[in-house]
């Protein structure tokens, strides 16, 4: 599981998150996870985004072989 620490939130943000979490009957942590998941799902990640990240450096773009063999043409 990955973790993230957010520093320097604007004043009142934590209290607003706490109130929102209480209204949804979940923890502040679960509320923030839900907010982030919803925000991410609304903006699909493009190949340009992936290539611009360090984490995208190990992504394989080579399609798997189809298992077809090559035939020599009869001339």
N, C-alpha and C. Protein backbone atom coordinates (compact mmCIF):
# COMPACT_ATOMS: atom_id res chain seq x y z
N UNK A 1 0.83 -1.18 0.00
CA UNK A 1 0.00 0.00 0.00
C UNK A 1 0.88 1.24 0.00
N UNK A 2 0.58 2.17 -0.86
CA UNK A 2 1.34 3.41 -0.92
C UNK A 2 0.77 4.42 0.06
N UNK A 3 1.61 5.36 0.45
CA UNK A 3 1.19 6.40 1.38
C UNK A 3 1.57 7.76 0.82
N UNK A 4 0.87 8.78 1.30
CA UNK A 4 1.18 10.15 0.90
C UNK A 4 0.97 11.05 2.12
N UNK A 5 1.83 12.03 2.25
CA UNK A 5 1.73 13.01 3.32
C UNK A 5 1.53 14.37 2.67
N UNK A 6 0.50 15.07 3.06
CA UNK A 6 0.21 16.38 2.47
C UNK A 6 0.47 17.44 3.54
N UNK A 7 1.39 18.32 3.25
CA UNK A 7 1.74 19.40 4.18
C UNK A 7 1.10 20.71 3.73
N UNK A 8 1.04 21.63 4.64
CA UNK A 8 0.61 23.01 4.38
C UNK A 8 -0.77 23.11 3.75
N UNK A 9 -1.73 22.40 4.33
CA UNK A 9 -3.11 22.54 3.85
C UNK A 9 -3.64 23.93 4.21
N UNK A 10 -4.49 24.49 3.38
CA UNK A 10 -5.09 25.78 3.73
C UNK A 10 -5.89 25.67 5.03
N UNK A 11 -5.99 26.77 5.74
CA UNK A 11 -6.72 26.79 7.01
C UNK A 11 -8.15 26.30 6.80
N UNK A 12 -8.59 25.45 7.69
CA UNK A 12 -9.96 24.95 7.65
C UNK A 12 -10.15 23.69 6.82
N UNK A 13 -9.15 23.29 6.07
CA UNK A 13 -9.28 22.12 5.20
C UNK A 13 -9.49 20.85 6.02
N UNK A 14 -8.69 20.67 7.06
CA UNK A 14 -8.80 19.46 7.87
C UNK A 14 -10.16 19.40 8.57
N UNK A 15 -10.63 20.52 9.06
CA UNK A 15 -11.93 20.55 9.73
C UNK A 15 -13.05 20.25 8.73
N UNK A 16 -12.93 20.78 7.53
CA UNK A 16 -13.93 20.52 6.49
C UNK A 16 -13.94 19.05 6.11
N UNK A 17 -12.75 18.46 5.96
CA UNK A 17 -12.66 17.04 5.66
C UNK A 17 -13.25 16.19 6.78
N UNK A 18 -12.98 16.58 8.01
CA UNK A 18 -13.53 15.84 9.16
C UNK A 18 -15.05 15.90 9.15
N UNK A 19 -15.63 17.07 8.90
CA UNK A 19 -17.08 17.20 8.86
C UNK A 19 -17.68 16.40 7.71
N UNK A 20 -17.03 16.44 6.56
CA UNK A 20 -17.51 15.68 5.40
C UNK A 20 -17.44 14.18 5.66
N UNK A 21 -16.34 13.75 6.29
CA UNK A 21 -16.18 12.34 6.62
C UNK A 21 -17.26 11.88 7.60
N UNK A 22 -17.55 12.70 8.59
CA UNK A 22 -18.60 12.35 9.56
C UNK A 22 -19.95 12.22 8.88
N UNK A 23 -20.23 13.10 7.93
CA UNK A 23 -21.53 13.03 7.25
C UNK A 23 -21.65 11.78 6.38
N UNK A 24 -20.52 11.24 5.93
CA UNK A 24 -20.52 10.01 5.14
C UNK A 24 -20.25 8.77 6.00
N UNK A 25 -20.12 8.99 7.31
CA UNK A 25 -19.89 7.91 8.28
C UNK A 25 -18.62 7.12 7.98
N UNK A 26 -17.54 7.83 7.74
CA UNK A 26 -16.24 7.19 7.54
C UNK A 26 -15.14 8.06 8.14
N UNK A 27 -13.95 7.51 8.19
CA UNK A 27 -12.81 8.25 8.74
C UNK A 27 -12.36 9.34 7.77
N UNK A 28 -11.57 10.27 8.28
CA UNK A 28 -11.01 11.32 7.43
C UNK A 28 -10.13 10.68 6.36
N UNK A 29 -9.36 9.68 6.73
CA UNK A 29 -8.50 8.99 5.78
C UNK A 29 -9.32 8.33 4.67
N UNK A 30 -10.39 7.66 5.02
CA UNK A 30 -11.25 7.03 4.01
C UNK A 30 -11.92 8.08 3.12
N UNK A 31 -12.28 9.20 3.71
CA UNK A 31 -12.90 10.28 2.94
C UNK A 31 -11.93 10.84 1.91
N UNK A 32 -10.70 11.06 2.31
CA UNK A 32 -9.68 11.59 1.39
C UNK A 32 -9.40 10.58 0.29
N UNK A 33 -9.33 9.28 0.64
CA UNK A 33 -9.15 8.25 -0.39
C UNK A 33 -10.26 8.28 -1.41
N UNK A 34 -11.50 8.44 -0.95
CA UNK A 34 -12.66 8.50 -1.84
C UNK A 34 -12.60 9.73 -2.75
N UNK A 35 -12.24 10.88 -2.19
CA UNK A 35 -12.12 12.12 -2.97
C UNK A 35 -11.06 11.96 -4.04
N UNK A 36 -9.90 11.41 -3.68
CA UNK A 36 -8.82 11.22 -4.65
C UNK A 36 -9.21 10.22 -5.73
N UNK A 37 -9.83 9.12 -5.34
CA UNK A 37 -10.24 8.11 -6.32
C UNK A 37 -11.24 8.69 -7.31
N UNK A 38 -12.19 9.49 -6.84
CA UNK A 38 -13.17 10.12 -7.73
C UNK A 38 -12.50 11.11 -8.67
N UNK A 39 -11.58 11.91 -8.15
CA UNK A 39 -10.88 12.90 -8.99
C UNK A 39 -10.05 12.21 -10.06
N UNK A 40 -9.36 11.15 -9.70
CA UNK A 40 -8.51 10.45 -10.66
C UNK A 40 -9.35 9.75 -11.73
N UNK A 41 -10.46 9.19 -11.35
CA UNK A 41 -11.29 8.46 -12.32
C UNK A 41 -11.92 9.39 -13.35
N UNK A 42 -12.04 10.66 -13.04
CA UNK A 42 -12.64 11.61 -13.97
C UNK A 42 -11.65 12.11 -15.02
N UNK A 43 -10.35 11.95 -14.78
CA UNK A 43 -9.32 12.36 -15.73
C UNK A 43 -8.47 11.16 -16.09
N UNK A 44 -8.73 10.54 -17.24
CA UNK A 44 -7.93 9.36 -17.59
C UNK A 44 -6.47 9.71 -17.81
N UNK A 45 -5.60 8.79 -17.45
CA UNK A 45 -4.17 8.97 -17.62
C UNK A 45 -3.81 8.63 -19.06
N UNK A 46 -3.05 9.49 -19.69
CA UNK A 46 -2.64 9.27 -21.08
C UNK A 46 -1.22 8.72 -21.11
N UNK A 47 -0.82 8.23 -22.26
CA UNK A 47 0.54 7.72 -22.42
C UNK A 47 1.56 8.84 -22.22
N UNK A 48 1.21 10.05 -22.56
CA UNK A 48 2.11 11.19 -22.34
C UNK A 48 2.33 11.40 -20.85
N UNK A 49 1.26 11.26 -20.06
CA UNK A 49 1.39 11.38 -18.60
C UNK A 49 2.32 10.30 -18.05
N UNK A 50 2.13 9.06 -18.52
CA UNK A 50 2.96 7.96 -18.03
C UNK A 50 4.42 8.13 -18.40
N UNK A 51 4.69 8.58 -19.61
CA UNK A 51 6.08 8.76 -20.04
C UNK A 51 6.77 9.90 -19.32
N UNK A 52 6.00 10.86 -18.83
CA UNK A 52 6.57 11.99 -18.12
C UNK A 52 6.89 11.70 -16.67
N UNK A 53 6.54 10.51 -16.19
CA UNK A 53 6.77 10.15 -14.79
C UNK A 53 7.94 9.17 -14.69
N UNK A 54 8.63 9.20 -13.57
CA UNK A 54 9.69 8.23 -13.32
C UNK A 54 9.13 6.82 -13.28
N UNK A 55 7.92 6.66 -12.73
CA UNK A 55 7.32 5.34 -12.61
C UNK A 55 6.98 4.75 -13.97
N UNK A 56 6.82 5.60 -14.98
CA UNK A 56 6.48 5.13 -16.32
C UNK A 56 7.67 4.62 -17.10
N UNK A 57 8.86 4.75 -16.53
CA UNK A 57 10.07 4.38 -17.27
C UNK A 57 10.15 2.88 -17.54
N UNK A 58 9.53 2.06 -16.71
CA UNK A 58 9.64 0.61 -16.90
C UNK A 58 8.42 0.00 -17.58
N UNK A 59 7.58 0.80 -18.18
CA UNK A 59 6.40 0.29 -18.86
C UNK A 59 6.81 -0.27 -20.21
N UNK A 60 6.33 -1.46 -20.52
CA UNK A 60 6.63 -2.11 -21.79
C UNK A 60 5.58 -1.70 -22.82
N UNK A 61 6.02 -1.17 -23.95
CA UNK A 61 5.09 -0.79 -25.00
C UNK A 61 5.13 -1.76 -26.18
N UNK A 62 5.98 -2.76 -26.09
CA UNK A 62 6.08 -3.76 -27.15
C UNK A 62 4.90 -4.73 -27.02
N UNK A 63 4.07 -4.84 -28.05
CA UNK A 63 2.93 -5.75 -27.95
C UNK A 63 3.43 -7.20 -27.94
N UNK A 64 2.70 -8.09 -27.30
CA UNK A 64 3.13 -9.49 -27.28
C UNK A 64 3.02 -10.10 -28.67
N UNK A 65 3.87 -11.06 -28.94
CA UNK A 65 3.85 -11.74 -30.23
C UNK A 65 2.57 -12.55 -30.35
N UNK A 66 2.07 -12.64 -31.58
CA UNK A 66 0.82 -13.35 -31.83
C UNK A 66 1.02 -14.84 -32.10
N UNK A 67 2.26 -15.28 -32.20
CA UNK A 67 2.54 -16.68 -32.43
C UNK A 67 2.40 -17.07 -33.90
N UNK A 68 2.42 -16.09 -34.78
CA UNK A 68 2.31 -16.38 -36.22
C UNK A 68 3.70 -16.65 -36.79
N UNK A 69 3.77 -17.52 -37.76
CA UNK A 69 5.05 -17.79 -38.40
C UNK A 69 5.10 -17.12 -39.77
N UNK A 70 6.30 -16.90 -40.25
CA UNK A 70 6.51 -16.23 -41.53
C UNK A 70 6.58 -17.29 -42.63
N UNK A 71 5.91 -16.99 -43.71
CA UNK A 71 5.97 -17.91 -44.88
C UNK A 71 6.81 -17.25 -45.96
N UNK A 72 7.59 -18.04 -46.64
CA UNK A 72 8.38 -17.55 -47.76
C UNK A 72 7.48 -17.57 -49.00
N UNK A 73 7.39 -16.46 -49.71
CA UNK A 73 6.51 -16.43 -50.89
C UNK A 73 7.08 -17.29 -52.01
N UNK A 74 6.19 -17.94 -52.71
CA UNK A 74 6.62 -18.75 -53.85
C UNK A 74 6.67 -17.84 -55.07
N UNK A 75 7.81 -17.75 -55.68
CA UNK A 75 8.00 -16.91 -56.86
C UNK A 75 8.08 -17.72 -58.12
